[in-house]
């Protein structure tokens, strides 16, 4: 996985392109890919964003948390419920 580059570098790349250099020239000067320079400029022009987007973290537990009460209630009713049965129950009740 690629490492996150500093916001300072992002700001300098944006400033160089806004100052008149091409994305190719800026990419070569700062040692980054042309596609990276293009993405940073697009983010800057569309949203004013210079910071990297958040990476990693938990992106899936919210789906389980939303059905947590239903799952716990089903386990309380039937202690030996299988995952297949839980999946069918959630499909029936929540789609």
Protein backbone atom coordinates (compact mmCIF):
# COMPACT_ATOMS: atom_id res chain seq x y z
CA UNK A 1 0.00 0.00 0.00
CA UNK A 2 1.31 3.44 -0.86
CA UNK A 3 2.22 5.75 1.98
CA UNK A 4 0.40 8.99 2.65
CA UNK A 5 2.39 12.01 1.50
CA UNK A 6 2.49 15.15 3.60
CA UNK A 7 -0.05 17.90 3.30
CA UNK A 8 2.84 20.33 2.89
CA UNK A 9 3.90 18.53 -0.29
CA UNK A 10 0.33 18.59 -1.56
CA UNK A 11 0.09 22.35 -0.97
CA UNK A 12 3.42 22.95 -2.74
CA UNK A 13 2.32 20.83 -5.74
CA UNK A 14 -0.96 22.74 -6.00
CA UNK A 15 0.83 26.09 -5.69
CA UNK A 16 3.30 25.13 -8.42
CA UNK A 17 0.52 24.18 -10.86
CA UNK A 18 -1.49 27.27 -9.96
CA UNK A 19 1.73 29.23 -10.56
CA UNK A 20 1.87 28.08 -14.16
CA UNK A 21 3.81 24.80 -14.28
CA UNK A 22 2.27 21.77 -15.96
CA UNK A 23 1.25 18.76 -13.94
CA UNK A 24 3.96 16.74 -15.65
CA UNK A 25 6.65 19.25 -14.73
CA UNK A 26 5.42 19.48 -11.15
CA UNK A 27 5.30 15.68 -10.81
CA UNK A 28 8.87 15.40 -12.01
CA UNK A 29 10.08 18.26 -9.78
CA UNK A 30 8.52 16.83 -6.61
CA UNK A 31 9.07 13.15 -7.38
CA UNK A 32 5.43 12.10 -7.51
CA UNK A 33 3.34 10.48 -10.21
CA UNK A 34 1.51 12.58 -12.77
CA UNK A 35 -1.75 10.86 -11.81
CA UNK A 36 -1.14 11.87 -8.20
CA UNK A 37 -0.69 15.51 -9.18
CA UNK A 38 -3.87 15.35 -11.27
CA UNK A 39 -5.88 13.84 -8.37
CA UNK A 40 -4.57 16.42 -5.89
CA UNK A 41 -5.43 19.28 -8.25
CA UNK A 42 -8.90 17.86 -8.91
CA UNK A 43 -9.57 17.56 -5.15
CA UNK A 44 -8.32 21.11 -4.65
CA UNK A 45 -10.46 22.58 -7.41
CA UNK A 46 -13.62 20.63 -6.60
CA UNK A 47 -13.59 20.78 -2.80
CA UNK A 48 -10.66 22.91 -1.70
CA UNK A 49 -9.17 19.80 -0.07
CA UNK A 50 -5.46 19.47 0.52
CA UNK A 51 -5.49 16.79 3.22
CA UNK A 52 -5.30 13.08 2.50
CA UNK A 53 -8.52 11.11 2.75
CA UNK A 54 -8.83 8.90 5.83
CA UNK A 55 -7.51 5.38 5.38
CA UNK A 56 -8.14 2.11 7.10
CA UNK A 57 -10.32 1.77 10.11
CA UNK A 58 -13.55 -0.05 10.62
CA UNK A 59 -15.96 0.42 7.76
CA UNK A 60 -18.25 -2.57 8.22
CA UNK A 61 -19.33 -2.90 11.85
CA UNK A 62 -22.02 -0.22 11.46
CA UNK A 63 -24.08 -2.73 9.47
CA UNK A 64 -23.89 -5.24 12.31
CA UNK A 65 -24.45 -2.58 14.97
CA UNK A 66 -27.65 -1.51 13.21
CA UNK A 67 -29.01 -5.06 13.62
CA UNK A 68 -27.32 -5.81 16.94
CA UNK A 69 -30.51 -5.91 18.99
CA UNK A 70 -32.16 -8.30 16.53
CA UNK A 71 -29.13 -10.61 16.54
CA UNK A 72 -28.86 -10.65 20.34
CA UNK A 73 -32.60 -11.27 20.71
CA UNK A 74 -32.42 -14.18 18.26
CA UNK A 75 -29.49 -15.70 20.17
CA UNK A 76 -31.40 -15.27 23.45
CA UNK A 77 -34.43 -17.10 21.96
CA UNK A 78 -32.34 -19.89 20.40
CA UNK A 79 -28.88 -20.33 21.89
CA UNK A 80 -27.67 -22.73 19.20
CA UNK A 81 -28.81 -20.62 16.21
CA UNK A 82 -26.52 -20.97 13.20
CA UNK A 83 -25.07 -18.20 11.08
CA UNK A 84 -27.19 -19.36 8.16
CA UNK A 85 -30.33 -19.03 10.29
CA UNK A 86 -29.22 -15.59 11.49
CA UNK A 87 -28.61 -14.51 7.90
CA UNK A 88 -32.05 -15.72 6.87
CA UNK A 89 -33.65 -13.90 9.81
CA UNK A 90 -31.86 -10.64 8.94
CA UNK A 91 -32.80 -11.02 5.28
CA UNK A 92 -36.46 -11.51 6.19
CA UNK A 93 -36.61 -8.64 8.66
CA UNK A 94 -34.18 -6.12 7.17
CA UNK A 95 -33.58 -7.02 3.55
